[in-house]
Amino acid sequence: MSEEFNLAIGERPELKWVSLDLIVVDRNYQRDLKPRLVAKILRKFEWKKFGSICLVEQNDGRFTVYEGQHRVAAARAHPSVSEVPATVVKLDDLKQEADAFLGINVDRAAVTPTERYWAGIT
């Protein structure tokens, strides 16, 4: 394992529940919404599987999603959900938001079929 690491880690995010009414999606860098994925999340909706979405706090009191837009869409469609757990950061501009989006979505290991198998039989 490499001994190299980034020391400029930025401010700690805030963990909180955020009203769905305050969350928006910036289409400048987000992927297209996949309705089938939203429906699948909605059918299997459980808080223990939901996790924390990643938001950027805006100056106007709203929040933009940089990770979790499909889960947000599913939560909006669920009759018992009005807010979601979130990891909230403050960033300076849209470029930093897009960079955070890429950082989470590119540097990620997908679950392999073998890992799905073993988790499924456990």
PDB file of N, CA and C in Angstrom:
ATOM      1  N   MET A   1       0.840  -1.183   0.000  1.00  0.00           N
ATOM      2  CA  MET A   1       0.000   0.000   0.000  1.00  0.00           C
ATOM      3  C   MET A   1       0.884   1.244   0.000  1.00  0.00           C
ATOM      4  N   SER A   2       0.485   2.226  -0.748  1.00  0.00           N
ATOM      5  CA  SER A   2       1.256   3.453  -0.879  1.00  0.00           C
ATOM      6  C   SER A   2       1.229   4.264   0.419  1.00  0.00           C
ATOM      7  N   GLU A   3       2.319   4.916   0.711  1.00  0.00           N
ATOM      8  CA  GLU A   3       2.405   5.781   1.878  1.00  0.00           C
ATOM      9  C   GLU A   3       2.021   7.218   1.536  1.00  0.00           C
ATOM     10  N   GLU A   4       1.599   7.457   0.303  1.00  0.00           N
ATOM     11  CA  GLU A   4       1.217   8.808  -0.127  1.00  0.00           C
ATOM     12  C   GLU A   4      -0.234   9.070   0.232  1.00  0.00           C
ATOM     13  N   PHE A   5      -0.499  10.306   0.633  1.00  0.00           N
ATOM     14  CA  PHE A   5      -1.874  10.699   0.944  1.00  0.00           C
ATOM     15  C   PHE A   5      -2.014  12.202   0.822  1.00  0.00           C
ATOM     16  N   ASN A   6      -3.238  12.641   0.652  1.00  0.00           N
ATOM     17  CA  ASN A   6      -3.554  14.055   0.508  1.00  0.00           C
ATOM     18  C   ASN A   6      -3.763  14.686   1.885  1.00  0.00           C
ATOM     19  N   LEU A   7      -3.020  15.727   2.198  1.00  0.00           N
ATOM     20  CA  LEU A   7      -3.192  16.417   3.479  1.00  0.00           C
ATOM     21  C   LEU A   7      -4.227  17.537   3.411  1.00  0.00           C
ATOM     22  N   ALA A   8      -4.566  18.001   2.206  1.00  0.00           N
ATOM     23  CA  ALA A   8      -5.536  19.087   2.037  1.00  0.00           C
ATOM     24  C   ALA A   8      -6.936  18.490   1.925  1.00  0.00           C
ATOM     25  N   ILE A   9      -7.468  17.986   3.057  1.00  0.00           N
ATOM     26  CA  ILE A   9      -8.721  17.234   3.022  1.00  0.00           C
ATOM     27  C   ILE A   9      -9.972  18.110   3.115  1.00  0.00           C
ATOM     28  N   GLY A  10      -9.824  19.397   3.322  1.00  0.00           N
ATOM     29  CA  GLY A  10     -10.986  20.286   3.362  1.00  0.00           C
ATOM     30  C   GLY A  10     -11.708  20.252   4.694  1.00  0.00           C
ATOM     31  N   GLU A  11     -12.810  21.021   4.744  1.00  0.00           N
ATOM     32  CA  GLU A  11     -13.615  21.082   5.967  1.00  0.00           C
ATOM     33  C   GLU A  11     -14.399  19.789   6.156  1.00  0.00           C
ATOM     34  N   ARG A  12     -14.629  19.441   7.413  1.00  0.00           N
ATOM     35  CA  ARG A  12     -15.446  18.272   7.709  1.00  0.00           C
ATOM     36  C   ARG A  12     -16.880  18.528   7.262  1.00  0.00           C
ATOM     37  N   PRO A  13     -17.525  17.527   6.650  1.00  0.00           N
ATOM     38  CA  PRO A  13     -18.926  17.698   6.276  1.00  0.00           C
ATOM     39  C   PRO A  13     -19.812  17.651   7.511  1.00  0.00           C
ATOM     40  N   GLU A  14     -21.019  18.140   7.343  1.00  0.00           N
ATOM     41  CA  GLU A  14     -22.019  18.097   8.408  1.00  0.00           C
ATOM     42  C   GLU A  14     -22.985  16.965   8.079  1.00  0.00           C
ATOM     43  N   LEU A  15     -23.369  16.204   9.073  1.00  0.00           N
ATOM     44  CA  LEU A  15     -24.342  15.133   8.887  1.00  0.00           C
ATOM     45  C   LEU A  15     -25.682  15.616   9.423  1.00  0.00           C
ATOM     46  N   LYS A  16     -26.716  15.585   8.556  1.00  0.00           N
ATOM     47  CA  LYS A  16     -28.028  16.030   9.018  1.00  0.00           C
ATOM     48  C   LYS A  16     -29.144  15.496   8.124  1.00  0.00           C
ATOM     49  N   TRP A  17     -30.366  15.636   8.620  1.00  0.00           N
ATOM     50  CA  TRP A  17     -31.556  15.298   7.856  1.00  0.00           C
ATOM     51  C   TRP A  17     -31.983  16.547   7.102  1.00  0.00           C
ATOM     52  N   VAL A  18     -32.254  16.391   5.795  1.00  0.00           N
ATOM     53  CA  VAL A  18     -32.597  17.530   4.947  1.00  0.00           C
ATOM     54  C   VAL A  18     -33.954  17.269   4.290  1.00  0.00           C
ATOM     55  N   SER A  19     -34.812  18.281   4.310  1.00  0.00           N
ATOM     56  CA  SER A  19     -36.121  18.188   3.678  1.00  0.00           C
ATOM     57  C   SER A  19     -35.968  18.005   2.169  1.00  0.00           C
ATOM     58  N   LEU A  20     -36.755  17.094   1.612  1.00  0.00           N
ATOM     59  CA  LEU A  20     -36.712  16.854   0.169  1.00  0.00           C
ATOM     60  C   LEU A  20     -37.084  18.100  -0.625  1.00  0.00           C
ATOM     61  N   ASP A  21     -37.891  18.979  -0.044  1.00  0.00           N
ATOM     62  CA  ASP A  21     -38.293  20.222  -0.716  1.00  0.00           C
ATOM     63  C   ASP A  21     -37.121  21.167  -0.961  1.00  0.00           C
ATOM     64  N   LEU A  22     -36.032  20.979  -0.217  1.00  0.00           N
ATOM     65  CA  LEU A  22     -34.880  21.877  -0.332  1.00  0.00           C
ATOM     66  C   LEU A  22     -33.784  21.332  -1.254  1.00  0.00           C
ATOM     67  N   ILE A  23     -33.997  20.135  -1.800  1.00  0.00           N
ATOM     68  CA  ILE A  23     -32.961  19.475  -2.594  1.00  0.00           C
ATOM     69  C   ILE A  23     -33.243  19.636  -4.091  1.00  0.00           C
ATOM     70  N   VAL A  24     -32.216  20.061  -4.823  1.00  0.00           N
ATOM     71  CA  VAL A  24     -32.317  20.200  -6.281  1.00  0.00           C
ATOM     72  C   VAL A  24     -31.168  19.440  -6.932  1.00  0.00           C
ATOM     73  N   VAL A  25     -31.343  19.136  -8.216  1.00  0.00           N
ATOM     74  CA  VAL A  25     -30.322  18.435  -8.988  1.00  0.00           C
ATOM     75  C   VAL A  25     -29.804  19.392 -10.054  1.00  0.00           C
ATOM     76  N   ASP A  26     -28.501  19.554 -10.113  1.00  0.00           N
ATOM     77  CA  ASP A  26     -27.900  20.416 -11.124  1.00  0.00           C
ATOM     78  C   ASP A  26     -27.587  19.576 -12.359  1.00  0.00           C
ATOM     79  N   ARG A  27     -28.300  19.819 -13.428  1.00  0.00           N
ATOM     80  CA  ARG A  27     -28.150  19.037 -14.661  1.00  0.00           C
ATOM     81  C   ARG A  27     -26.882  19.381 -15.440  1.00  0.00           C
ATOM     82  N   ASN A  28     -26.106  20.362 -14.980  1.00  0.00           N
ATOM     83  CA  ASN A  28     -24.855  20.689 -15.661  1.00  0.00           C
ATOM     84  C   ASN A  28     -23.851  19.544 -15.596  1.00  0.00           C
ATOM     85  N   TYR A  29     -23.894  18.741 -14.536  1.00  0.00           N
ATOM     86  CA  TYR A  29     -22.925  17.654 -14.404  1.00  0.00           C
ATOM     87  C   TYR A  29     -23.548  16.316 -14.019  1.00  0.00           C
ATOM     88  N   GLN A  30     -24.801  16.306 -13.600  1.00  0.00           N
ATOM     89  CA  GLN A  30     -25.427  15.054 -13.194  1.00  0.00           C
ATOM     90  C   GLN A  30     -25.812  14.209 -14.395  1.00  0.00           C
ATOM     91  N   ARG A  31     -25.853  12.917 -14.175  1.00  0.00           N
ATOM     92  CA  ARG A  31     -26.298  11.975 -15.208  1.00  0.00           C
ATOM     93  C   ARG A  31     -27.808  12.097 -15.395  1.00  0.00           C
ATOM     94  N   ASP A  32     -28.312  11.529 -16.492  1.00  0.00           N
ATOM     95  CA  ASP A  32     -29.759  11.466 -16.691  1.00  0.00           C
ATOM     96  C   ASP A  32     -30.356  10.527 -15.651  1.00  0.00           C
ATOM     97  N   LEU A  33     -31.538  10.873 -15.174  1.00  0.00           N
ATOM     98  CA  LEU A  33     -32.234  10.037 -14.208  1.00  0.00           C
ATOM     99  C   LEU A  33     -32.725   8.769 -14.898  1.00  0.00           C
ATOM    100  N   LYS A  34     -32.530   7.640 -14.248  1.00  0.00           N
ATOM    101  CA  LYS A  34     -32.954   6.350 -14.799  1.00  0.00           C
ATOM    102  C   LYS A  34     -34.213   5.902 -14.054  1.00  0.00           C
ATOM    103  N   PRO A  35     -35.399   6.071 -14.654  1.00  0.00           N
ATOM    104  CA  PRO A  35     -36.655   5.741 -13.978  1.00  0.00           C
ATOM    105  C   PRO A  35     -36.729   4.303 -13.470  1.00  0.00           C
ATOM    106  N   ARG A  36     -36.147   3.355 -14.190  1.00  0.00           N
ATOM    107  CA  ARG A  36     -36.181   1.962 -13.726  1.00  0.00           C
ATOM    108  C   ARG A  36     -35.392   1.790 -12.435  1.00  0.00           C
ATOM    109  N   LEU A  37     -34.265   2.497 -12.306  1.00  0.00           N
ATOM    110  CA  LEU A  37     -33.478   2.425 -11.079  1.00  0.00           C
ATOM    111  C   LEU A  37     -34.236   3.063  -9.920  1.00  0.00           C
ATOM    112  N   VAL A  38     -34.880   4.190 -10.171  1.00  0.00           N
ATOM    113  CA  VAL A  38     -35.682   4.856  -9.131  1.00  0.00           C
ATOM    114  C   VAL A  38     -36.794   3.914  -8.661  1.00  0.00           C
ATOM    115  N   ALA A  39     -37.482   3.260  -9.596  1.00  0.00           N
ATOM    116  CA  ALA A  39     -38.567   2.333  -9.248  1.00  0.00           C
ATOM    117  C   ALA A  39     -38.041   1.158  -8.430  1.00  0.00           C
ATOM    118  N   LYS A  40     -36.864   0.659  -8.784  1.00  0.00           N
ATOM    119  CA  LYS A  40     -36.262  -0.457  -8.046  1.00  0.00           C
ATOM    120  C   LYS A  40     -35.932  -0.042  -6.608  1.00  0.00           C
ATOM    121  N   ILE A  41     -35.347   1.140  -6.450  1.00  0.00           N
ATOM    122  CA  ILE A  41     -35.029   1.639  -5.106  1.00  0.00           C
ATOM    123  C   ILE A  41     -36.311   1.810  -4.302  1.00  0.00           C
ATOM    124  N   LEU A  42     -37.342   2.349  -4.926  1.00  0.00           N
ATOM    125  CA  LEU A  42     -38.618   2.580  -4.260  1.00  0.00           C
ATOM    126  C   LEU A  42     -39.251   1.265  -3.812  1.00  0.00           C
ATOM    127  N   ARG A  43     -39.237   0.247  -4.673  1.00  0.00           N
ATOM    128  CA  ARG A  43     -39.806  -1.063  -4.327  1.00  0.00           C
ATOM    129  C   ARG A  43     -39.104  -1.694  -3.129  1.00  0.00           C
ATOM    130  N   LYS A  44     -37.788  -1.493  -3.041  1.00  0.00           N
ATOM    131  CA  LYS A  44     -36.997  -2.125  -1.977  1.00  0.00           C
ATOM    132  C   LYS A  44     -36.634  -1.147  -0.855  1.00  0.00           C
ATOM    133  N   PHE A  45     -37.322  -0.008  -0.788  1.00  0.00           N
ATOM    134  CA  PHE A  45     -36.938   1.070   0.121  1.00  0.00           C
ATOM    135  C   PHE A  45     -36.923   0.605   1.579  1.00  0.00           C
ATOM    136  N   GLU A  46     -35.780   0.782   2.224  1.00  0.00           N
ATOM    137  CA  GLU A  46     -35.585   0.578   3.655  1.00  0.00           C
ATOM    138  C   GLU A  46     -34.480   1.532   4.077  1.00  0.00           C
ATOM    139  N   TRP A  47     -34.633   2.175   5.224  1.00  0.00           N
ATOM    140  CA  TRP A  47     -33.611   3.120   5.670  1.00  0.00           C
ATOM    141  C   TRP A  47     -32.252   2.474   5.798  1.00  0.00           C
ATOM    142  N   LYS A  48     -32.194   1.230   6.244  1.00  0.00           N
ATOM    143  CA  LYS A  48     -30.887   0.575   6.431  1.00  0.00           C
ATOM    144  C   LYS A  48     -30.139   0.400   5.108  1.00  0.00           C
ATOM    145  N   LYS A  49     -30.855   0.460   3.975  1.00  0.00           N
ATOM    146  CA  LYS A  49     -30.231   0.327   2.658  1.00  0.00           C
ATOM    147  C   LYS A  49     -30.058   1.675   1.959  1.00  0.00           C
ATOM    148  N   PHE A  50     -30.610   2.718   2.538  1.00  0.00           N
ATOM    149  CA  PHE A  50     -30.631   4.023   1.871  1.00  0.00           C
ATOM    150  C   PHE A  50     -29.287   4.740   1.943  1.00  0.00           C
ATOM    151  N   GLY A  51     -28.674   4.742   3.101  1.00  0.00           N
ATOM    152  CA  GLY A  51     -27.404   5.451   3.264  1.00  0.00           C
ATOM    153  C   GLY A  51     -27.587   6.956   3.298  1.00  0.00           C
ATOM    154  N   SER A  52     -26.507   7.647   3.227  1.00  0.00           N
ATOM    155  CA  SER A  52     -26.493   9.109   3.273  1.00  0.00           C
ATOM    156  C   SER A  52     -26.241   9.647   1.865  1.00  0.00           C
ATOM    157  N   ILE A  53     -27.063  10.596   1.437  1.00  0.00           N
ATOM    158  CA  ILE A  53     -26.802  11.224   0.150  1.00  0.00           C
ATOM    159  C   ILE A  53     -25.793  12.352   0.373  1.00  0.00           C
ATOM    160  N   CYS A  54     -25.174  12.818  -0.680  1.00  0.00           N
ATOM    161  CA  CYS A  54     -24.159  13.874  -0.579  1.00  0.00           C
ATOM    162  C   CYS A  54     -24.705  15.153  -1.199  1.00  0.00           C
ATOM    163  N   LEU A  55     -24.703  16.205  -0.403  1.00  0.00           N
ATOM    164  CA  LEU A  55     -25.274  17.483  -0.818  1.00  0.00           C
ATOM    165  C   LEU A  55     -24.280  18.614  -0.650  1.00  0.00           C
ATOM    166  N   VAL A  56     -24.486  19.662  -1.464  1.00  0.00           N
ATOM    167  CA  VAL A  56     -23.746  20.908  -1.317  1.00  0.00           C
ATOM    168  C   VAL A  56     -24.738  21.964  -0.855  1.00  0.00           C
ATOM    169  N   GLU A  57     -24.430  22.621   0.248  1.00  0.00           N
ATOM    170  CA  GLU A  57     -25.302  23.683   0.748  1.00  0.00           C
ATOM    171  C   GLU A  57     -25.095  24.944  -0.079  1.00  0.00           C
ATOM    172  N   GLN A  58     -26.197  25.488  -0.590  1.00  0.00           N
ATOM    173  CA  GLN A  58     -26.158  26.693  -1.420  1.00  0.00           C
ATOM    174  C   GLN A  58     -26.456  27.934  -0.569  1.00  0.00           C
ATOM    175  N   ASN A  59     -26.105  29.097  -1.063  1.00  0.00           N
ATOM    176  CA  ASN A  59     -26.313  30.348  -0.320  1.00  0.00           C
ATOM    177  C   ASN A  59     -27.784  30.677  -0.100  1.00  0.00           C
ATOM    178  N   ASP A  60     -28.675  30.157  -0.949  1.00  0.00           N
ATOM    179  CA  ASP A  60     -30.099  30.462  -0.834  1.00  0.00           C
ATOM    180  C   ASP A  60     -30.849  29.507   0.097  1.00  0.00           C
ATOM    181  N   GLY A  61     -30.128  28.609   0.786  1.00  0.00           N
ATOM    182  CA  GLY A  61     -30.766  27.686   1.715  1.00  0.00           C
ATOM    183  C   GLY A  61     -31.134  26.346   1.097  1.00  0.00           C
ATOM    184  N   ARG A  62     -30.966  26.223  -0.211  1.00  0.00           N
ATOM    185  CA  ARG A  62     -31.223  24.941  -0.859  1.00  0.00           C
ATOM    186  C   ARG A  62     -29.945  24.107  -0.882  1.00  0.00           C
ATOM    187  N   PHE A  63     -30.095  22.879  -1.357  1.00  0.00           N
ATOM    188  CA  PHE A  63     -28.975  21.939  -1.420  1.00  0.00           C
ATOM    189  C   PHE A  63     -28.975  21.281  -2.794  1.00  0.00           C
ATOM    190  N   THR A  64     -27.803  21.118  -3.391  1.00  0.00           N
ATOM    191  CA  THR A  64     -27.704  20.371  -4.648  1.00  0.00           C
ATOM    192  C   THR A  64     -27.103  19.001  -4.365  1.00  0.00           C
ATOM    193  N   VAL A  65     -27.629  18.008  -5.066  1.00  0.00           N
ATOM    194  CA  VAL A  65     -27.167  16.623  -4.921  1.00  0.00           C
ATOM    195  C   VAL A  65     -25.940  16.412  -5.791  1.00  0.00           C
ATOM    196  N   TYR A  66     -24.868  15.898  -5.207  1.00  0.00           N
ATOM    197  CA  TYR A  66     -23.747  15.483  -6.054  1.00  0.00           C
ATOM    198  C   TYR A  66     -23.522  13.975  -5.983  1.00  0.00           C
ATOM    199  N   GLU A  67     -24.253  13.297  -5.132  1.00  0.00           N
ATOM    200  CA  GLU A  67     -24.269  11.836  -5.094  1.00  0.00           C
ATOM    201  C   GLU A  67     -25.581  11.396  -4.456  1.00  0.00           C
ATOM    202  N   GLY A  68     -26.364  10.614  -5.206  1.00  0.00           N
ATOM    203  CA  GLY A  68     -27.589  10.066  -4.634  1.00  0.00           C
ATOM    204  C   GLY A  68     -28.877  10.562  -5.262  1.00  0.00           C
ATOM    205  N   GLN A  69     -28.814  11.127  -6.472  1.00  0.00           N
ATOM    206  CA  GLN A  69     -30.025  11.683  -7.065  1.00  0.00           C
ATOM    207  C   GLN A  69     -31.114  10.623  -7.283  1.00  0.00           C
ATOM    208  N   HIS A  70     -30.750   9.371  -7.559  1.00  0.00           N
ATOM    209  CA  HIS A  70     -31.757   8.329  -7.741  1.00  0.00           C
ATOM    210  C   HIS A  70     -32.437   7.982  -6.420  1.00  0.00           C
ATOM    211  N   ARG A  71     -31.672   7.967  -5.348  1.00  0.00           N
ATOM    212  CA  ARG A  71     -32.268   7.721  -4.032  1.00  0.00           C
ATOM    213  C   ARG A  71     -33.166   8.883  -3.626  1.00  0.00           C
ATOM    214  N   VAL A  72     -32.767  10.108  -3.959  1.00  0.00           N
ATOM    215  CA  VAL A  72     -33.614  11.274  -3.674  1.00  0.00           C
ATOM    216  C   VAL A  72     -34.930  11.165  -4.438  1.00  0.00           C
ATOM    217  N   ALA A  73     -34.865  10.794  -5.702  1.00  0.00           N
ATOM    218  CA  ALA A  73     -36.084  10.654  -6.508  1.00  0.00           C
ATOM    219  C   ALA A  73     -37.002   9.573  -5.926  1.00  0.00           C
ATOM    220  N   ALA A  74     -36.426   8.469  -5.479  1.00  0.00           N
ATOM    221  CA  ALA A  74     -37.224   7.410  -4.858  1.00  0.00           C
ATOM    222  C   ALA A  74     -37.839   7.895  -3.549  1.00  0.00           C
ATOM    223  N   ALA A  75     -37.072   8.605  -2.753  1.00  0.00           N
ATOM    224  CA  ALA A  75     -37.583   9.134  -1.489  1.00  0.00           C
ATOM    225  C   ALA A  75     -38.742  10.102  -1.739  1.00  0.00           C
ATOM    226  N   ARG A  76     -38.628  10.925  -2.773  1.00  0.00           N
ATOM    227  CA  ARG A  76     -39.706  11.861  -3.113  1.00  0.00           C
ATOM    228  C   ARG A  76     -40.997  11.130  -3.471  1.00  0.00           C
ATOM    229  N   ALA A  77     -40.860   9.960  -4.072  1.00  0.00           N
ATOM    230  CA  ALA A  77     -42.032   9.188  -4.489  1.00  0.00           C
ATOM    231  C   ALA A  77     -42.640   8.369  -3.351  1.00  0.00           C
ATOM    232  N   HIS A  78     -41.926   8.224  -2.246  1.00  0.00           N
ATOM    233  CA  HIS A  78     -42.405   7.409  -1.129  1.00  0.00           C
ATOM    234  C   HIS A  78     -43.331   8.236  -0.237  1.00  0.00           C
ATOM    235  N   PRO A  79     -44.527   7.729   0.076  1.00  0.00           N
ATOM    236  CA  PRO A  79     -45.484   8.519   0.859  1.00  0.00           C
ATOM    237  C   PRO A  79     -45.085   8.770   2.318  1.00  0.00           C
ATOM    238  N   SER A  80     -44.139   7.999   2.849  1.00  0.00           N
ATOM    239  CA  SER A  80     -43.748   8.156   4.255  1.00  0.00           C
ATOM    240  C   SER A  80     -42.448   8.925   4.451  1.00  0.00           C
ATOM    241  N   VAL A  81     -41.892   9.462   3.379  1.00  0.00           N
ATOM    242  CA  VAL A  81     -40.581  10.104   3.472  1.00  0.00           C
ATOM    243  C   VAL A  81     -40.685  11.577   3.089  1.00  0.00           C
ATOM    244  N   SER A  82     -40.195  12.448   3.975  1.00  0.00           N
ATOM    245  CA  SER A  82     -40.191  13.889   3.687  1.00  0.00           C
ATOM    246  C   SER A  82     -38.801  14.498   3.803  1.00  0.00           C
ATOM    247  N   GLU A  83     -37.872  13.746   4.407  1.00  0.00           N
ATOM    248  CA  GLU A  83     -36.488  14.207   4.522  1.00  0.00           C
ATOM    249  C   GLU A  83     -35.569  13.008   4.444  1.00  0.00           C
ATOM    250  N   VAL A  84     -34.298  13.284   4.122  1.00  0.00           N
ATOM    251  CA  VAL A  84     -33.319  12.208   3.943  1.00  0.00           C
ATOM    252  C   VAL A  84     -32.039  12.530   4.718  1.00  0.00           C
ATOM    253  N   PRO A  85     -31.307  11.477   5.124  1.00  0.00           N
ATOM    254  CA  PRO A  85     -30.026  11.708   5.770  1.00  0.00           C
ATOM    255  C   PRO A  85     -29.002  12.145   4.730  1.00  0.00           C
ATOM    256  N   ALA A  86     -28.184  13.125   5.114  1.00  0.00           N
ATOM    257  CA  ALA A  86     -27.247  13.681   4.140  1.00  0.00           C
ATOM    258  C   ALA A  86     -25.907  14.029   4.770  1.00  0.00           C
ATOM    259  N   THR A  87     -24.896  13.920   3.941  1.00  0.00           N
ATOM    260  CA  THR A  87     -23.568  14.436   4.236  1.00  0.00           C
ATOM    261  C   THR A  87     -23.492  15.757   3.479  1.00  0.00           C
ATOM    262  N   VAL A  88     -23.380  16.859   4.210  1.00  0.00           N
ATOM    263  CA  VAL A  88     -23.482  18.190   3.613  1.00  0.00           C
ATOM    264  C   VAL A  88     -22.134  18.902   3.659  1.00  0.00           C
ATOM    265  N   VAL A  89     -21.705  19.388   2.492  1.00  0.00           N
ATOM    266  CA  VAL A  89     -20.470  20.162   2.398  1.00  0.00           C
ATOM    267  C   VAL A  89     -20.782  21.545   1.848  1.00  0.00           C
ATOM    268  N   LYS A  90     -19.851  22.454   2.065  1.00  0.00           N
ATOM    269  CA  LYS A  90     -19.939  23.788   1.471  1.00  0.00           C
ATOM    270  C   LYS A  90     -18.792  23.901   0.477  1.00  0.00           C
ATOM    271  N   LEU A  91     -19.123  24.237  -0.764  1.00  0.00           N
ATOM    272  CA  LEU A  91     -18.114  24.379  -1.805  1.00  0.00           C
ATOM    273  C   LEU A  91     -18.238  25.758  -2.426  1.00  0.00           C
ATOM    274  N   ASP A  92     -17.196  26.190  -3.103  1.00  0.00           N
ATOM    275  CA  ASP A  92     -17.165  27.545  -3.643  1.00  0.00           C
ATOM    276  C   ASP A  92     -17.897  27.728  -4.961  1.00  0.00           C
ATOM    277  N   ASP A  93     -17.945  26.673  -5.797  1.00  0.00           N
ATOM    278  CA  ASP A  93     -18.524  26.875  -7.122  1.00  0.00           C
ATOM    279  C   ASP A  93     -18.932  25.544  -7.753  1.00  0.00           C
ATOM    280  N   LEU A  94     -19.540  25.656  -8.933  1.00  0.00           N
ATOM    281  CA  LEU A  94     -20.027  24.498  -9.666  1.00  0.00           C
ATOM    282  C   LEU A  94     -18.895  23.555 -10.070  1.00  0.00           C
ATOM    283  N   LYS A  95     -17.725  24.101 -10.368  1.00  0.00           N
ATOM    284  CA  LYS A  95     -16.580  23.265 -10.734  1.00  0.00           C
ATOM    285  C   LYS A  95     -16.219  22.323  -9.585  1.00  0.00           C
ATOM    286  N   GLN A  96     -16.248  22.821  -8.367  1.00  0.00           N
ATOM    287  CA  GLN A  96     -15.941  21.973  -7.216  1.00  0.00           C
ATOM    288  C   GLN A  96     -17.024  20.907  -7.014  1.00  0.00           C
ATOM    289  N   GLU A  97     -18.281  21.265  -7.279  1.00  0.00           N
ATOM    290  CA  GLU A  97     -19.363  20.282  -7.186  1.00  0.00           C
ATOM    291  C   GLU A  97     -19.155  19.156  -8.186  1.00  0.00           C
ATOM    292  N   ALA A  98     -18.863  19.519  -9.428  1.00  0.00           N
ATOM    293  CA  ALA A  98     -18.649  18.523 -10.470  1.00  0.00           C
ATOM    294  C   ALA A  98     -17.441  17.647 -10.123  1.00  0.00           C
ATOM    295  N   ASP A  99     -16.404  18.247  -9.554  1.00  0.00           N
ATOM    296  CA  ASP A  99     -15.220  17.492  -9.147  1.00  0.00           C
ATOM    297  C   ASP A  99     -15.572  16.504  -8.033  1.00  0.00           C
ATOM    298  N   ALA A 100     -16.414  16.914  -7.086  1.00  0.00           N
ATOM    299  CA  ALA A 100     -16.847  16.014  -6.014  1.00  0.00           C
ATOM    300  C   ALA A 100     -17.672  14.865  -6.589  1.00  0.00           C
ATOM    301  N   PHE A 101     -18.551  15.172  -7.547  1.00  0.00           N
ATOM    302  CA  PHE A 101     -19.344  14.150  -8.235  1.00  0.00           C
ATOM    303  C   PHE A 101     -18.432  13.107  -8.882  1.00  0.00           C
ATOM    304  N   LEU A 102     -17.436  13.576  -9.622  1.00  0.00           N
ATOM    305  CA  LEU A 102     -16.500  12.656 -10.269  1.00  0.00           C
ATOM    306  C   LEU A 102     -15.697  11.857  -9.250  1.00  0.00           C
ATOM    307  N   GLY A 103     -15.255  12.522  -8.192  1.00  0.00           N
ATOM    308  CA  GLY A 103     -14.455  11.845  -7.178  1.00  0.00           C
ATOM    309  C   GLY A 103     -15.180  10.679  -6.540  1.00  0.00           C
ATOM    310  N   ILE A 104     -16.465  10.833  -6.301  1.00  0.00           N
ATOM    311  CA  ILE A 104     -17.248   9.750  -5.702  1.00  0.00           C
ATOM    312  C   ILE A 104     -17.592   8.683  -6.728  1.00  0.00           C
ATOM    313  N   ASN A 105     -17.943   9.085  -7.927  1.00  0.00           N
ATOM    314  CA  ASN A 105     -18.465   8.139  -8.901  1.00  0.00           C
ATOM    315  C   ASN A 105     -17.401   7.446  -9.750  1.00  0.00           C
ATOM    316  N   VAL A 106     -16.226   8.020  -9.879  1.00  0.00           N
ATOM    317  CA  VAL A 106     -15.177   7.404 -10.686  1.00  0.00           C
ATOM    318  C   VAL A 106     -14.291   6.506  -9.830  1.00  0.00           C
ATOM    319  N   ASP A 107     -13.894   6.983  -8.674  1.00  0.00           N
ATOM    320  CA  ASP A 107     -12.983   6.232  -7.806  1.00  0.00           C
ATOM    321  C   ASP A 107     -13.765   5.319  -6.870  1.00  0.00           C
ATOM    322  N   ARG A 108     -14.450   4.359  -7.450  1.00  0.00           N
ATOM    323  CA  ARG A 108     -15.316   3.476  -6.679  1.00  0.00           C
ATOM    324  C   ARG A 108     -15.210   2.072  -7.238  1.00  0.00           C
ATOM    325  N   ALA A 109     -15.191   1.091  -6.369  1.00  0.00           N
ATOM    326  CA  ALA A 109     -15.148  -0.306  -6.804  1.00  0.00           C
ATOM    327  C   ALA A 109     -16.579  -0.840  -6.882  1.00  0.00           C
ATOM    328  N   ALA A 110     -16.933  -1.401  -8.016  1.00  0.00           N
ATOM    329  CA  ALA A 110     -18.247  -2.021  -8.168  1.00  0.00           C
ATOM    330  C   ALA A 110     -18.262  -3.356  -7.424  1.00  0.00           C
ATOM    331  N   VAL A 111     -19.441  -3.763  -6.993  1.00  0.00           N
ATOM    332  CA  VAL A 111     -19.587  -5.064  -6.348  1.00  0.00           C
ATOM    333  C   VAL A 111     -19.513  -6.129  -7.434  1.00  0.00           C
ATOM    334  N   THR A 112     -18.614  -7.078  -7.254  1.00  0.00           N
ATOM    335  CA  THR A 112     -18.424  -8.129  -8.263  1.00  0.00           C
ATOM    336  C   THR A 112     -19.519  -9.193  -8.133  1.00  0.00           C
ATOM    337  N   PRO A 113     -19.737  -9.990  -9.182  1.00  0.00           N
ATOM    338  CA  PRO A 113     -20.710 -11.082  -9.081  1.00  0.00           C
ATOM    339  C   PRO A 113     -20.394 -12.061  -7.937  1.00  0.00           C
ATOM    340  N   THR A 114     -19.130 -12.341  -7.716  1.00  0.00           N
ATOM    341  CA  THR A 114     -18.752 -13.237  -6.623  1.00  0.00           C
ATOM    342  C   THR A 114     -19.107 -12.626  -5.272  1.00  0.00           C
ATOM    343  N   GLU A 115     -18.843 -11.343  -5.099  1.00  0.00           N
ATOM    344  CA  GLU A 115     -19.190 -10.664  -3.844  1.00  0.00           C
ATOM    345  C   GLU A 115     -20.700 -10.630  -3.639  1.00  0.00           C
ATOM    346  N   ARG A 116     -21.451 -10.429  -4.718  1.00  0.00           N
ATOM    347  CA  ARG A 116     -22.919 -10.461  -4.632  1.00  0.00           C
ATOM    348  C   ARG A 116     -23.390 -11.853  -4.210  1.00  0.00           C
ATOM    349  N   TYR A 117     -22.760 -12.867  -4.758  1.00  0.00           N
ATOM    350  CA  TYR A 117     -23.123 -14.249  -4.414  1.00  0.00           C
ATOM    351  C   TYR A 117     -22.935 -14.502  -2.931  1.00  0.00           C
ATOM    352  N   TRP A 118     -21.730 -14.223  -2.424  1.00  0.00           N
ATOM    353  CA  TRP A 118     -21.434 -14.515  -1.020  1.00  0.00           C
ATOM    354  C   TRP A 118     -22.267 -13.676  -0.072  1.00  0.00           C
ATOM    355  N   ALA A 119     -22.497 -12.435  -0.401  1.00  0.00           N
ATOM    356  CA  ALA A 119     -23.368 -11.605   0.446  1.00  0.00           C
ATOM    357  C   ALA A 119     -24.797 -12.124   0.402  1.00  0.00           C
ATOM    358  N   GLY A 120     -25.224 -12.596  -0.765  1.00  0.00           N
ATOM    359  CA  GLY A 120     -26.582 -13.107  -0.918  1.00  0.00           C
ATOM    360  C   GLY A 120     -26.840 -14.376  -0.132  1.00  0.00           C
ATOM    361  N   ILE A 121     -25.865 -15.281  -0.061  1.00  0.00           N
ATOM    362  CA  ILE A 121     -26.089 -16.519   0.675  1.00  0.00           C
ATOM    363  C   ILE A 121     -25.854 -16.355   2.179  1.00  0.00           C
ATOM    364  N   THR A 122     -25.188 -15.270   2.553  1.00  0.00           N
ATOM    365  CA  THR A 122     -24.964 -15.016   3.974  1.00  0.00           C
ATOM    366  C   THR A 122     -26.280 -14.625   4.610  1.00  0.00           C
TER     367      THR A 122
END
